[in-house]
């Protein structure tokens, strides 16, 4: 068997092994989204420039979702009076950090890589949210 055939066989085996984990993660994400109403988020945020992004990053990391739905959720959170700091951090971590999907990511990409990537994305989402809102204020978009 040539190198391409061996590689394809290894890839298919890896996908077959990780498929049950991926399906379980998708089911867990669906359950969490159904259990936590979106209106709850507006009661959690305080309006503080440091606390809101932290809480937003934390909740977004746990909730995890795709970019398409993040625009809708972000708009609704803004309508409910949640600060732009919190919404920005929430959306950034929503699409970049995945606590719920961490087992699948560790299985596919390795434990060290998955944990490092998620920790870095969490920290970056906090700081980028603050810098984004401050930048918008400076350029007069707020």
N, C-alpha and C. Protein backbone atom coordinates (compact mmCIF):
# COMPACT_ATOMS: atom_id res chain seq x y z
N UNK A 1 0.85 -1.18 0.00
CA UNK A 1 0.00 0.00 0.00
C UNK A 1 0.90 1.24 0.00
N UNK A 2 0.55 2.21 -0.80
CA UNK A 2 1.38 3.42 -0.88
C UNK A 2 1.14 4.34 0.33
N UNK A 3 1.92 5.41 0.39
CA UNK A 3 1.86 6.34 1.53
C UNK A 3 0.50 7.04 1.63
N UNK A 4 -0.05 7.39 0.50
CA UNK A 4 -1.35 8.08 0.52
C UNK A 4 -2.44 7.14 1.04
N UNK A 5 -2.42 5.90 0.60
CA UNK A 5 -3.40 4.93 1.07
C UNK A 5 -3.29 4.67 2.56
N UNK A 6 -2.06 4.57 3.07
CA UNK A 6 -1.85 4.37 4.52
C UNK A 6 -2.34 5.58 5.30
N UNK A 7 -2.03 6.75 4.80
CA UNK A 7 -2.47 7.98 5.47
C UNK A 7 -3.98 8.09 5.49
N UNK A 8 -4.61 7.76 4.38
CA UNK A 8 -6.07 7.81 4.30
C UNK A 8 -6.69 6.82 5.29
N UNK A 9 -6.11 5.63 5.39
CA UNK A 9 -6.63 4.62 6.31
C UNK A 9 -6.49 5.08 7.76
N UNK A 10 -5.34 5.67 8.11
CA UNK A 10 -5.14 6.18 9.47
C UNK A 10 -6.12 7.31 9.78
N UNK A 11 -6.35 8.17 8.80
CA UNK A 11 -7.28 9.28 8.99
C UNK A 11 -8.70 8.77 9.23
N UNK A 12 -9.13 7.82 8.43
CA UNK A 12 -10.47 7.25 8.62
C UNK A 12 -10.60 6.56 9.97
N UNK A 13 -9.57 5.85 10.41
CA UNK A 13 -9.61 5.22 11.73
C UNK A 13 -9.71 6.27 12.84
N UNK A 14 -8.96 7.35 12.72
CA UNK A 14 -9.01 8.42 13.72
C UNK A 14 -10.39 9.05 13.76
N UNK A 15 -10.99 9.28 12.59
CA UNK A 15 -12.34 9.84 12.54
C UNK A 15 -13.37 8.90 13.16
N UNK A 16 -13.25 7.62 12.87
CA UNK A 16 -14.17 6.63 13.44
C UNK A 16 -14.06 6.59 14.97
N UNK A 17 -12.86 6.72 15.49
CA UNK A 17 -12.67 6.69 16.94
C UNK A 17 -13.21 7.95 17.62
N UNK A 18 -13.09 9.09 16.96
CA UNK A 18 -13.51 10.34 17.59
C UNK A 18 -14.97 10.69 17.32
N UNK A 19 -15.63 10.02 16.41
CA UNK A 19 -17.02 10.32 16.08
C UNK A 19 -17.96 10.23 17.28
N UNK A 20 -17.89 9.20 18.12
CA UNK A 20 -18.78 9.16 19.28
C UNK A 20 -18.57 10.35 20.24
N UNK A 21 -17.34 10.78 20.39
CA UNK A 21 -17.06 11.92 21.26
C UNK A 21 -17.66 13.19 20.66
N UNK A 22 -17.50 13.38 19.37
CA UNK A 22 -18.04 14.56 18.70
C UNK A 22 -19.56 14.60 18.80
N UNK A 23 -20.21 13.48 18.60
CA UNK A 23 -21.67 13.42 18.71
C UNK A 23 -22.10 13.74 20.14
N UNK A 24 -21.39 13.22 21.13
CA UNK A 24 -21.70 13.51 22.53
C UNK A 24 -21.55 14.99 22.84
N UNK A 25 -20.53 15.61 22.30
CA UNK A 25 -20.31 17.04 22.53
C UNK A 25 -21.44 17.85 21.90
N UNK A 26 -21.85 17.50 20.70
CA UNK A 26 -22.95 18.21 20.04
C UNK A 26 -24.22 18.08 20.87
N UNK A 27 -24.48 16.92 21.41
CA UNK A 27 -25.66 16.73 22.24
C UNK A 27 -25.56 17.55 23.52
N UNK A 28 -24.39 17.61 24.14
CA UNK A 28 -24.21 18.39 25.36
C UNK A 28 -24.42 19.89 25.09
N UNK A 29 -23.91 20.36 23.98
CA UNK A 29 -24.09 21.77 23.62
C UNK A 29 -25.58 22.07 23.43
N UNK A 30 -26.29 21.21 22.77
CA UNK A 30 -27.72 21.40 22.56
C UNK A 30 -28.48 21.45 23.88
N UNK A 31 -28.13 20.57 24.81
CA UNK A 31 -28.78 20.57 26.12
C UNK A 31 -28.51 21.86 26.88
N UNK A 32 -27.28 22.32 26.85
CA UNK A 32 -26.94 23.56 27.56
C UNK A 32 -27.68 24.76 26.98
N UNK A 33 -27.75 24.84 25.67
CA UNK A 33 -28.45 25.95 25.04
C UNK A 33 -29.93 25.94 25.38
N UNK A 34 -30.51 24.77 25.50
CA UNK A 34 -31.92 24.66 25.85
C UNK A 34 -32.17 24.98 27.32
N UNK A 35 -31.20 24.70 28.18
CA UNK A 35 -31.38 24.86 29.62
C UNK A 35 -31.17 26.30 30.10
N UNK A 36 -30.37 27.08 29.38
CA UNK A 36 -30.04 28.43 29.82
C UNK A 36 -30.75 29.45 28.92
N UNK A 37 -31.74 30.18 29.45
CA UNK A 37 -32.43 31.18 28.63
C UNK A 37 -31.52 32.38 28.36
N UNK A 38 -31.66 32.94 27.17
CA UNK A 38 -30.83 34.09 26.80
C UNK A 38 -31.06 35.29 27.70
N UNK A 39 -32.25 35.45 28.24
CA UNK A 39 -32.56 36.60 29.09
C UNK A 39 -31.76 36.59 30.39
N UNK A 40 -31.26 35.43 30.78
CA UNK A 40 -30.46 35.32 32.01
C UNK A 40 -29.17 36.13 31.92
N UNK A 41 -28.60 36.23 30.71
CA UNK A 41 -27.33 36.92 30.54
C UNK A 41 -27.41 38.39 30.95
N UNK A 42 -28.54 39.04 30.66
CA UNK A 42 -28.64 40.47 30.97
C UNK A 42 -28.68 40.73 32.47
N UNK A 43 -29.05 39.75 33.27
CA UNK A 43 -29.06 39.95 34.72
C UNK A 43 -27.70 39.70 35.36
N UNK A 44 -26.80 39.07 34.63
CA UNK A 44 -25.49 38.71 35.19
C UNK A 44 -24.48 39.85 35.07
N UNK A 45 -24.58 40.65 34.02
CA UNK A 45 -23.57 41.67 33.75
C UNK A 45 -23.82 42.94 34.56
N UNK A 46 -22.72 43.53 35.08
CA UNK A 46 -22.82 44.66 36.00
C UNK A 46 -22.58 46.01 35.35
N UNK A 47 -21.98 46.06 34.17
CA UNK A 47 -21.62 47.32 33.53
C UNK A 47 -20.19 47.73 33.82
N UNK A 48 -19.47 46.94 34.59
CA UNK A 48 -18.08 47.23 34.94
C UNK A 48 -17.16 46.89 33.77
N UNK A 49 -16.21 47.78 33.46
CA UNK A 49 -15.32 47.62 32.31
C UNK A 49 -14.40 46.40 32.43
N UNK A 50 -14.12 45.94 33.64
CA UNK A 50 -13.27 44.77 33.83
C UNK A 50 -14.06 43.49 34.13
N UNK A 51 -15.11 43.64 34.92
CA UNK A 51 -15.89 42.46 35.32
C UNK A 51 -16.74 41.95 34.16
N UNK A 52 -17.38 42.86 33.42
CA UNK A 52 -18.23 42.43 32.30
C UNK A 52 -17.50 41.59 31.26
N UNK A 53 -16.32 42.04 30.78
CA UNK A 53 -15.63 41.20 29.80
C UNK A 53 -15.22 39.84 30.37
N UNK A 54 -14.85 39.81 31.64
CA UNK A 54 -14.47 38.55 32.25
C UNK A 54 -15.67 37.60 32.30
N UNK A 55 -16.80 38.10 32.78
CA UNK A 55 -18.00 37.28 32.86
C UNK A 55 -18.46 36.88 31.45
N UNK A 56 -18.39 37.83 30.52
CA UNK A 56 -18.76 37.53 29.13
C UNK A 56 -17.89 36.43 28.54
N UNK A 57 -16.58 36.52 28.78
CA UNK A 57 -15.67 35.49 28.29
C UNK A 57 -15.95 34.14 28.94
N UNK A 58 -16.24 34.17 30.22
CA UNK A 58 -16.51 32.93 30.94
C UNK A 58 -17.79 32.25 30.43
N UNK A 59 -18.85 33.03 30.29
CA UNK A 59 -20.11 32.45 29.83
C UNK A 59 -20.00 32.01 28.37
N UNK A 60 -19.36 32.82 27.54
CA UNK A 60 -19.18 32.45 26.14
C UNK A 60 -18.35 31.18 25.98
N UNK A 61 -17.37 31.01 26.85
CA UNK A 61 -16.53 29.81 26.81
C UNK A 61 -17.32 28.56 27.11
N UNK A 62 -18.25 28.69 28.01
CA UNK A 62 -19.06 27.54 28.40
C UNK A 62 -20.17 27.29 27.39
N UNK A 63 -20.80 28.36 26.92
CA UNK A 63 -21.93 28.22 26.00
C UNK A 63 -21.49 27.72 24.63
N UNK A 64 -20.44 28.26 24.08
CA UNK A 64 -19.87 27.85 22.79
C UNK A 64 -20.89 27.72 21.67
N UNK A 65 -20.59 28.32 20.56
CA UNK A 65 -21.50 28.25 19.43
C UNK A 65 -20.82 28.63 18.14
N UNK A 66 -21.61 28.83 17.11
CA UNK A 66 -21.03 29.17 15.82
C UNK A 66 -21.20 30.66 15.52
N UNK A 67 -20.39 31.19 14.64
CA UNK A 67 -20.41 32.63 14.35
C UNK A 67 -21.75 33.14 13.83
N UNK A 68 -22.47 32.36 13.06
CA UNK A 68 -23.73 32.83 12.48
C UNK A 68 -24.74 33.17 13.57
N UNK A 69 -24.88 32.32 14.57
CA UNK A 69 -25.84 32.60 15.63
C UNK A 69 -25.34 33.67 16.58
N UNK A 70 -24.04 33.91 16.62
CA UNK A 70 -23.49 34.89 17.55
C UNK A 70 -23.97 36.30 17.23
N UNK A 71 -24.17 36.62 15.97
CA UNK A 71 -24.65 37.96 15.61
C UNK A 71 -26.05 38.20 16.15
N UNK A 72 -26.89 37.21 16.05
CA UNK A 72 -28.26 37.33 16.54
C UNK A 72 -28.26 37.47 18.06
N UNK A 73 -27.51 36.60 18.73
CA UNK A 73 -27.45 36.64 20.19
C UNK A 73 -26.84 37.96 20.66
N UNK A 74 -25.77 38.41 20.01
CA UNK A 74 -25.15 39.68 20.37
C UNK A 74 -26.11 40.84 20.25
N UNK A 75 -26.86 40.87 19.17
CA UNK A 75 -27.86 41.94 18.99
C UNK A 75 -28.92 41.92 20.07
N UNK A 76 -29.37 40.74 20.43
CA UNK A 76 -30.38 40.62 21.47
C UNK A 76 -29.83 41.04 22.84
N UNK A 77 -28.59 40.68 23.12
CA UNK A 77 -27.98 41.07 24.39
C UNK A 77 -27.84 42.59 24.46
N UNK A 78 -27.45 43.21 23.36
CA UNK A 78 -27.35 44.68 23.32
C UNK A 78 -28.72 45.30 23.57
N UNK A 79 -29.77 44.75 22.94
CA UNK A 79 -31.14 45.25 23.12
C UNK A 79 -31.59 45.15 24.58
N UNK A 80 -31.08 44.12 25.28
CA UNK A 80 -31.46 43.92 26.69
C UNK A 80 -30.62 44.75 27.64
N UNK A 81 -29.72 45.57 27.10
CA UNK A 81 -28.94 46.48 27.93
C UNK A 81 -27.61 45.95 28.42
N UNK A 82 -27.16 44.83 27.89
CA UNK A 82 -25.86 44.29 28.27
C UNK A 82 -24.78 45.15 27.63
N UNK A 83 -23.72 45.46 28.37
CA UNK A 83 -22.67 46.35 27.88
C UNK A 83 -21.96 45.75 26.67
N UNK A 84 -21.44 46.64 25.83
CA UNK A 84 -20.71 46.20 24.65
C UNK A 84 -19.44 45.45 25.04
N UNK A 85 -18.84 45.80 26.18
CA UNK A 85 -17.67 45.06 26.67
C UNK A 85 -18.03 43.59 26.88
N UNK A 86 -19.15 43.36 27.56
CA UNK A 86 -19.57 41.99 27.86
C UNK A 86 -19.97 41.24 26.60
N UNK A 87 -20.71 41.90 25.72
CA UNK A 87 -21.18 41.23 24.50
C UNK A 87 -20.00 40.88 23.61
N UNK A 88 -19.05 41.79 23.47
CA UNK A 88 -17.88 41.52 22.63
C UNK A 88 -17.08 40.35 23.18
N UNK A 89 -16.83 40.35 24.48
CA UNK A 89 -16.09 39.24 25.10
C UNK A 89 -16.86 37.93 24.97
N UNK A 90 -18.16 38.00 25.17
CA UNK A 90 -19.01 36.82 25.05
C UNK A 90 -18.92 36.23 23.65
N UNK A 91 -19.06 37.09 22.64
CA UNK A 91 -19.04 36.61 21.26
C UNK A 91 -17.68 36.06 20.86
N UNK A 92 -16.62 36.73 21.29
CA UNK A 92 -15.28 36.25 20.97
C UNK A 92 -15.03 34.87 21.56
N UNK A 93 -15.37 34.71 22.83
CA UNK A 93 -15.13 33.41 23.46
C UNK A 93 -16.15 32.37 22.98
N UNK A 94 -17.33 32.82 22.60
CA UNK A 94 -18.39 31.94 22.07
C UNK A 94 -17.88 31.15 20.87
N UNK A 95 -17.12 31.82 19.99
CA UNK A 95 -16.66 31.15 18.78
C UNK A 95 -15.22 30.63 18.85
N UNK A 96 -14.44 31.04 19.87
CA UNK A 96 -13.04 30.61 19.92
C UNK A 96 -12.71 29.65 21.06
N UNK A 97 -13.47 29.70 22.13
CA UNK A 97 -13.21 28.83 23.28
C UNK A 97 -14.34 27.82 23.36
N UNK A 98 -14.03 26.60 23.68
CA UNK A 98 -15.07 25.59 23.76
C UNK A 98 -14.87 24.64 24.92
N UNK A 99 -15.35 25.02 26.08
CA UNK A 99 -15.23 24.14 27.25
C UNK A 99 -16.02 22.86 27.03
N UNK A 100 -17.22 22.99 26.47
CA UNK A 100 -18.06 21.81 26.25
C UNK A 100 -17.45 20.89 25.21
N UNK A 101 -16.83 21.47 24.20
CA UNK A 101 -16.25 20.64 23.14
C UNK A 101 -14.80 20.24 23.44
N UNK A 102 -14.30 20.61 24.61
CA UNK A 102 -12.91 20.32 24.98
C UNK A 102 -12.57 18.83 24.93
N UNK A 103 -13.42 17.92 25.42
CA UNK A 103 -13.07 16.50 25.34
C UNK A 103 -12.83 16.03 23.89
N UNK A 104 -13.67 16.48 22.98
CA UNK A 104 -13.49 16.09 21.59
C UNK A 104 -12.23 16.70 21.02
N UNK A 105 -11.98 17.96 21.34
CA UNK A 105 -10.77 18.62 20.85
C UNK A 105 -9.51 17.95 21.39
N UNK A 106 -9.54 17.57 22.66
CA UNK A 106 -8.38 16.89 23.25
C UNK A 106 -8.17 15.53 22.60
N UNK A 107 -9.26 14.85 22.28
CA UNK A 107 -9.17 13.54 21.64
C UNK A 107 -8.58 13.65 20.24
N UNK A 108 -8.97 14.69 19.52
CA UNK A 108 -8.54 14.84 18.13
C UNK A 108 -7.17 15.51 18.03
N UNK A 109 -6.95 16.59 18.79
CA UNK A 109 -5.74 17.39 18.64
C UNK A 109 -4.69 17.21 19.73
N UNK A 110 -5.05 16.51 20.79
CA UNK A 110 -4.13 16.31 21.90
C UNK A 110 -4.47 17.21 23.08
N UNK A 111 -4.25 16.69 24.28
CA UNK A 111 -4.64 17.38 25.50
C UNK A 111 -3.90 18.71 25.67
N UNK A 112 -2.58 18.69 25.53
CA UNK A 112 -1.78 19.89 25.75
C UNK A 112 -2.17 21.00 24.78
N UNK A 113 -2.29 20.66 23.51
CA UNK A 113 -2.65 21.66 22.50
C UNK A 113 -4.03 22.24 22.77
N UNK A 114 -5.01 21.36 23.03
CA UNK A 114 -6.39 21.81 23.24
C UNK A 114 -6.49 22.73 24.45
N UNK A 115 -5.87 22.33 25.55
CA UNK A 115 -5.92 23.17 26.76
C UNK A 115 -5.21 24.50 26.54
N UNK A 116 -4.04 24.48 25.93
CA UNK A 116 -3.29 25.71 25.67
C UNK A 116 -4.08 26.64 24.76
N UNK A 117 -4.65 26.11 23.69
CA UNK A 117 -5.41 26.92 22.76
C UNK A 117 -6.62 27.57 23.45
N UNK A 118 -7.34 26.81 24.25
CA UNK A 118 -8.52 27.34 24.91
C UNK A 118 -8.16 28.40 25.96
N UNK A 119 -7.10 28.19 26.71
CA UNK A 119 -6.67 29.17 27.71
C UNK A 119 -6.25 30.47 27.03
N UNK A 120 -5.46 30.36 25.98
CA UNK A 120 -5.02 31.56 25.25
C UNK A 120 -6.21 32.30 24.66
N UNK A 121 -7.14 31.57 24.04
CA UNK A 121 -8.32 32.21 23.45
C UNK A 121 -9.18 32.89 24.51
N UNK A 122 -9.29 32.29 25.69
CA UNK A 122 -10.05 32.90 26.77
C UNK A 122 -9.42 34.23 27.19
N UNK A 123 -8.12 34.23 27.42
CA UNK A 123 -7.41 35.45 27.85
C UNK A 123 -7.49 36.52 26.76
N UNK A 124 -7.27 36.11 25.52
CA UNK A 124 -7.30 37.07 24.41
C UNK A 124 -8.70 37.66 24.24
N UNK A 125 -9.74 36.86 24.41
CA UNK A 125 -11.10 37.38 24.25
C UNK A 125 -11.40 38.49 25.25
N UNK A 126 -10.87 38.37 26.45
CA UNK A 126 -11.04 39.40 27.48
C UNK A 126 -10.39 40.71 27.05
N UNK A 127 -9.13 40.64 26.67
CA UNK A 127 -8.39 41.86 26.31
C UNK A 127 -8.86 42.46 24.98
N UNK A 128 -9.16 41.63 24.01
CA UNK A 128 -9.61 42.13 22.71
C UNK A 128 -10.96 42.83 22.86
N UNK A 129 -11.83 42.32 23.71
CA UNK A 129 -13.12 42.97 23.94
C UNK A 129 -12.92 44.38 24.49
N UNK A 130 -12.07 44.52 25.48
CA UNK A 130 -11.82 45.84 26.06
C UNK A 130 -11.20 46.77 25.02
N UNK A 131 -10.19 46.29 24.32
CA UNK A 131 -9.52 47.12 23.32
C UNK A 131 -10.44 47.49 22.17
N UNK A 132 -11.31 46.59 21.77
CA UNK A 132 -12.25 46.87 20.68
C UNK A 132 -13.21 47.99 21.05
N UNK A 133 -13.80 47.90 22.23
CA UNK A 133 -14.76 48.91 22.65
C UNK A 133 -14.08 50.26 22.87
N UNK A 134 -12.90 50.25 23.46
CA UNK A 134 -12.15 51.50 23.64
C UNK A 134 -11.80 52.11 22.28
N UNK A 135 -11.38 51.28 21.33
CA UNK A 135 -11.05 51.76 19.99
C UNK A 135 -12.27 52.36 19.31
N UNK A 136 -13.41 51.70 19.44
CA UNK A 136 -14.64 52.23 18.86
C UNK A 136 -14.98 53.59 19.48
N UNK A 137 -14.75 53.73 20.77
CA UNK A 137 -14.98 55.02 21.43
C UNK A 137 -14.05 56.10 20.92
N UNK A 138 -12.80 55.75 20.68
CA UNK A 138 -11.81 56.72 20.21
C UNK A 138 -12.13 57.20 18.80
N UNK A 139 -12.52 56.28 17.93
CA UNK A 139 -12.80 56.66 16.54
C UNK A 139 -14.21 57.21 16.36
N UNK A 140 -14.95 57.28 17.45
CA UNK A 140 -16.27 57.91 17.41
C UNK A 140 -17.40 57.04 16.90
N UNK A 141 -17.26 55.74 16.96
CA UNK A 141 -18.31 54.84 16.48
C UNK A 141 -19.31 54.49 17.56
N UNK A 142 -19.10 54.93 18.78
CA UNK A 142 -20.05 54.62 19.87
C UNK A 142 -20.90 55.82 20.18
